[in-house]
Amino acid sequence: MDKRALIAGPAPVLRINVVRATRVFVDADPGAHRVAVFLESLGAGFGHALATASLSYVAGQNLLTVPAPAVTPPLPAAGPLTGANTRRRSHRRRRFAWSGARPGPVPAAPRQAPVREELYVYLLVPTGTEVHLELGQSDLYVGEPPATLFARISAGDVDLASVGKADVRVGHGDIRIRSSAGRLAADTGAGHIEALRVGGVARLRNGDGDIGVLCDNPDRLVVIAPSGHALIQGEYAWENVLREHAR
């Protein structure tokens, strides 16, 4: 089942809090000059609450809340309809009541297998706004350039493309920057950082993992890898600082 919602938001700053999500896509519509946010959540349909995606502005105005679907127990399968009259059925009930007999146990309805349900939420915001993404365990993909992007993810992957200003903090996961960014600040506790053609100011900090940077003349590049390996390729200014502590 595919549920879709489309909401336009004029707020200058957008905050998106995702409780449980599988993927989050941030992309832009060049025709409308807006940024689209895609929230994808997977869960079982019956007896299991889907992940709740709450989208709200900084001012506190709640834009969209996707509630868990109401659990509706399936009805038992009805038998074939016959032409028995009601008088005969009522007489049978009275006879059971007189004799003290009880009807046999009603067989329980077969349990329906859980249904995997995909939930997509589309949010359009003006291009140039600040987009704040706070994720628990999921993946983040950013497409066309919003002016400012703040992404914090405790576990998962971050994939950036064409971001004017990006501040990414990851607890455990990977960071991948695939296009030019005017300013990039990436901080990950454990994982892998890979930057391709990062321009301007790039600061990459990694606690445990590897750092791979393929750049074309960034003005300044700062890479700190306390534990792991750092791989730098390309031409750089002499301001660049690289500190590596191999395991």
Protein backbone atom coordinates (compact mmCIF):
# COMPACT_ATOMS: atom_id res chain seq x y z
CA MET A 1 0.00 0.00 0.00
CA ASP A 2 1.33 3.41 -0.94
CA LYS A 3 0.22 6.41 1.05
CA ARG A 4 1.28 9.81 -0.15
CA ALA A 5 0.89 13.27 1.29
CA LEU A 6 1.99 16.58 -0.18
CA ILE A 7 2.25 19.73 1.90
CA ALA A 8 3.77 23.11 1.05
CA GLY A 9 5.62 24.90 3.82
CA PRO A 10 6.60 28.58 3.83
CA ALA A 11 8.66 28.43 7.03
CA PRO A 12 12.23 29.78 6.87
CA VAL A 13 13.53 26.93 9.04
CA LEU A 14 12.23 23.38 8.89
CA ARG A 15 12.82 20.72 11.51
CA ILE A 16 12.04 17.10 10.78
CA ASN A 17 12.00 14.56 13.57
CA VAL A 18 11.77 10.96 12.45
CA VAL A 19 11.12 8.45 15.20
CA ARG A 20 11.71 5.33 13.17
CA ALA A 21 12.43 5.47 9.48
CA THR A 22 14.21 3.42 6.90
CA ARG A 23 15.25 6.11 4.46
CA VAL A 24 14.99 9.86 4.25
CA PHE A 25 15.35 11.60 0.91
CA VAL A 26 15.86 15.34 0.53
CA ASP A 27 15.62 16.58 -3.02
CA ALA A 28 14.71 19.78 -4.85
CA ASP A 29 12.20 20.63 -7.54
CA PRO A 30 14.04 22.95 -9.98
CA GLY A 31 10.80 24.13 -11.54
CA ALA A 32 9.13 25.18 -8.30
CA HIS A 33 12.40 26.13 -6.58
CA ARG A 34 11.48 24.05 -3.58
CA VAL A 35 13.05 21.27 -1.61
CA ALA A 36 11.19 17.99 -1.25
CA VAL A 37 11.65 15.76 1.76
CA PHE A 38 10.78 12.08 1.39
CA LEU A 39 10.25 9.97 4.47
CA GLU A 40 9.99 6.24 3.87
CA SER A 41 8.95 3.93 6.65
CA LEU A 42 8.43 0.18 6.57
CA GLY A 43 6.37 -1.80 9.02
CA ALA A 44 3.80 -4.49 9.44
CA GLY A 45 0.24 -3.47 8.73
CA PHE A 46 -1.83 -5.56 11.18
CA GLY A 47 -1.19 -5.42 14.89
CA HIS A 48 2.01 -3.43 14.48
CA ALA A 49 2.26 0.33 14.66
CA LEU A 50 3.97 1.93 11.73
CA ALA A 51 6.77 4.36 12.37
CA THR A 52 5.39 7.77 13.17
CA ALA A 53 6.86 10.57 11.11
CA SER A 54 6.29 13.93 12.75
CA LEU A 55 7.04 16.99 10.64
CA SER A 56 6.92 20.34 12.38
CA TYR A 57 8.33 23.83 12.07
CA VAL A 58 10.55 25.45 14.64
CA ALA A 59 7.63 27.66 15.65
CA GLY A 60 5.85 24.55 16.84
CA GLN A 61 3.21 24.37 14.12
CA ASN A 62 2.62 20.69 13.48
CA LEU A 63 2.48 20.19 9.74
CA LEU A 64 1.90 16.49 9.36
CA THR A 65 1.74 13.54 11.69
CA VAL A 66 1.31 10.10 10.18
CA PRO A 67 -0.46 8.03 12.84
CA ALA A 68 -0.30 4.29 13.15
CA PRO A 69 -3.06 2.54 11.22
CA ALA A 70 -6.07 1.46 13.21
CA VAL A 71 -5.93 -2.24 13.94
CA THR A 72 -9.10 -3.83 12.58
CA PRO A 73 -9.45 -7.55 13.37
CA PRO A 74 -10.54 -9.56 10.35
CA LEU A 75 -14.11 -10.80 10.45
CA PRO A 76 -14.64 -14.58 10.57
CA ALA A 77 -15.59 -16.13 7.29
CA ALA A 78 -19.36 -16.50 7.05
CA GLY A 79 -20.86 -19.78 5.95
CA PRO A 80 -23.14 -20.19 2.93
CA LEU A 81 -26.48 -18.49 3.23
CA THR A 82 -29.43 -20.94 3.41
CA GLY A 83 -33.17 -20.51 3.36
CA ALA A 84 -33.69 -21.55 6.99
CA ASN A 85 -36.31 -19.42 8.67
CA THR A 86 -35.75 -17.54 11.89
CA ARG A 87 -38.45 -19.43 13.74
CA ARG A 88 -36.54 -22.70 13.42
CA ARG A 89 -33.29 -21.10 14.63
CA SER A 90 -35.00 -19.46 17.62
CA HIS A 91 -36.64 -22.78 18.51
CA ARG A 92 -33.23 -24.45 18.44
CA ARG A 93 -31.82 -21.84 20.83
CA ARG A 94 -34.72 -22.41 23.24
CA ARG A 95 -34.22 -26.17 23.08
CA PHE A 96 -30.54 -25.76 24.00
CA ALA A 97 -31.55 -23.52 26.88
CA TRP A 98 -34.10 -26.01 28.18
CA SER A 99 -31.84 -29.04 28.01
CA GLY A 100 -28.85 -27.21 29.43
CA ALA A 101 -26.69 -28.10 26.41
CA ARG A 102 -24.05 -25.69 25.14
CA PRO A 103 -22.97 -25.21 21.57
CA GLY A 104 -19.47 -26.28 20.66
CA PRO A 105 -16.53 -23.88 20.68
CA VAL A 106 -16.42 -21.38 17.84
CA PRO A 107 -13.24 -21.86 15.83
CA ALA A 108 -11.02 -18.79 15.91
CA ALA A 109 -10.54 -16.86 12.73
CA PRO A 110 -7.22 -17.56 11.01
CA ARG A 111 -4.57 -14.94 11.79
CA GLN A 112 -3.63 -12.87 8.81
CA ALA A 113 0.04 -12.65 8.04
CA PRO A 114 1.68 -9.24 8.62
CA VAL A 115 1.64 -7.02 5.58
CA ARG A 116 4.70 -4.95 4.76
CA GLU A 117 3.49 -1.45 4.12
CA GLU A 118 5.49 1.39 2.60
CA LEU A 119 4.78 4.90 3.77
CA TYR A 120 5.96 7.89 1.76
CA VAL A 121 5.56 11.47 2.93
CA TYR A 122 6.41 14.28 0.56
CA LEU A 123 7.04 17.74 2.00
CA LEU A 124 7.79 20.76 -0.18
CA VAL A 125 9.65 23.68 1.34
CA PRO A 126 11.17 26.71 -0.40
CA THR A 127 14.72 26.36 -1.63
CA GLY A 128 17.20 28.21 0.53
CA THR A 129 15.64 27.29 3.86
CA GLU A 130 17.49 25.60 6.67
CA VAL A 131 16.63 21.91 6.83
CA HIS A 132 17.17 20.17 10.16
CA LEU A 133 17.08 16.37 10.13
CA GLU A 134 17.30 14.39 13.35
CA LEU A 135 17.22 10.64 12.81
CA GLY A 136 17.44 7.68 15.13
CA GLN A 137 18.41 4.73 12.93
CA SER A 138 18.05 5.27 9.21
CA ASP A 139 19.72 6.42 6.03
CA LEU A 140 19.86 9.99 4.80
CA TYR A 141 20.14 11.05 1.18
CA VAL A 142 20.35 14.70 0.14
CA GLY A 143 19.99 15.63 -3.50
CA GLU A 144 19.76 19.13 -4.96
CA PRO A 145 21.27 21.99 -2.98
CA PRO A 146 19.43 23.49 -0.03
CA ALA A 147 21.27 26.48 1.37
CA THR A 148 21.89 24.96 4.79
CA LEU A 149 21.56 21.38 5.93
CA PHE A 150 21.93 20.05 9.46
CA ALA A 151 21.75 16.27 9.78
CA ARG A 152 22.24 14.26 12.95
CA ILE A 153 21.93 10.53 12.77
CA SER A 154 22.85 8.08 15.51
CA ALA A 155 23.17 4.98 13.32
CA GLY A 156 23.04 4.70 9.55
CA ASP A 157 24.42 6.21 6.38
CA VAL A 158 24.52 9.78 5.10
CA ASP A 159 24.70 10.49 1.37
CA LEU A 160 25.07 14.13 0.30
CA ALA A 161 25.04 15.62 -3.18
CA SER A 162 25.30 19.29 -4.15
CA VAL A 163 24.89 20.85 -0.74
CA GLY A 164 25.76 24.50 -0.26
CA LYS A 165 26.39 24.18 3.49
CA ALA A 166 26.25 20.88 5.32
CA ASP A 167 26.74 19.97 8.95
CA VAL A 168 26.51 16.18 9.38
CA ARG A 169 26.98 14.33 12.64
CA VAL A 170 26.83 10.56 12.66
CA GLY A 171 27.27 8.21 15.58
CA HIS A 172 27.79 4.95 13.70
CA GLY A 173 27.62 4.85 9.93
CA ASP A 174 29.03 6.15 6.70
CA ILE A 175 29.14 9.61 5.17
CA ARG A 176 29.39 10.06 1.43
CA ILE A 177 29.58 13.45 -0.30
CA ARG A 178 29.23 13.13 -4.05
CA SER A 179 29.29 16.71 -5.30
CA SER A 180 30.68 20.16 -4.61
CA ALA A 181 29.80 21.72 -1.27
CA GLY A 182 30.67 25.28 -0.34
CA ARG A 183 31.12 24.33 3.29
CA LEU A 184 31.08 20.88 4.80
CA ALA A 185 31.42 19.83 8.41
CA ALA A 186 31.14 16.09 8.98
CA ASP A 187 31.55 14.41 12.33
CA THR A 188 31.14 10.67 12.79
CA GLY A 189 31.93 8.57 15.79
CA ALA A 190 32.49 5.30 13.98
CA GLY A 191 32.23 4.68 10.28
CA HIS A 192 33.58 5.66 6.90
CA ILE A 193 33.72 9.12 5.33
CA GLU A 194 34.08 9.54 1.59
CA ALA A 195 34.08 12.95 -0.06
CA LEU A 196 34.15 13.52 -3.82
CA ARG A 197 34.92 16.96 -5.26
CA VAL A 198 34.40 18.93 -2.09
CA GLY A 199 35.17 22.62 -2.50
CA GLY A 200 35.40 25.50 -0.08
CA VAL A 201 35.93 24.56 3.55
CA ALA A 202 35.74 20.88 4.44
CA ARG A 203 36.17 19.59 7.97
CA LEU A 204 35.98 15.83 8.39
CA ARG A 205 36.25 14.29 11.84
CA ASN A 206 36.10 10.57 12.35
CA GLY A 207 36.41 8.63 15.58
CA ASP A 208 36.79 5.05 14.37
CA GLY A 209 36.94 4.21 10.70
CA ASP A 210 38.34 5.33 7.38
CA ILE A 211 38.33 8.66 5.56
CA GLY A 212 38.61 8.88 1.78
CA VAL A 213 38.66 12.31 0.11
CA LEU A 214 38.79 12.92 -3.65
CA CYS A 215 38.78 16.69 -4.13
CA ASP A 216 39.70 19.36 -6.69
CA ASN A 217 41.52 22.26 -5.02
CA PRO A 218 39.51 22.93 -1.88
CA ASP A 219 40.57 26.13 -0.18
CA ARG A 220 41.02 24.33 3.10
CA LEU A 221 40.70 20.71 4.11
CA VAL A 222 40.92 19.51 7.71
CA VAL A 223 40.80 15.76 8.35
CA ILE A 224 41.08 14.30 11.84
CA ALA A 225 41.05 10.52 12.15
CA PRO A 226 41.98 9.45 15.70
CA SER A 227 41.55 5.78 14.86
CA GLY A 228 41.51 4.53 11.30
CA HIS A 229 42.99 5.37 7.92
CA ALA A 230 42.87 8.55 5.86
CA LEU A 231 43.19 8.57 2.07
CA ILE A 232 43.58 11.93 0.33
CA GLN A 233 43.77 12.34 -3.45
CA GLY A 234 43.87 15.55 -5.45
CA GLU A 235 45.51 18.99 -5.34
CA TYR A 236 45.28 20.98 -2.14
CA ALA A 237 46.36 24.30 -0.71
CA TRP A 238 49.18 24.32 1.84
CA GLU A 239 46.70 25.25 4.55
CA ASN A 240 45.41 21.71 4.54
CA VAL A 241 45.92 19.82 7.76
CA LEU A 242 45.94 16.04 7.94
CA ARG A 243 46.34 14.19 11.19
CA GLU A 244 46.17 10.45 11.15
CA HIS A 245 46.59 8.01 14.00
CA ALA A 246 46.74 4.51 12.61
CA ARG A 247 45.26 1.72 14.64
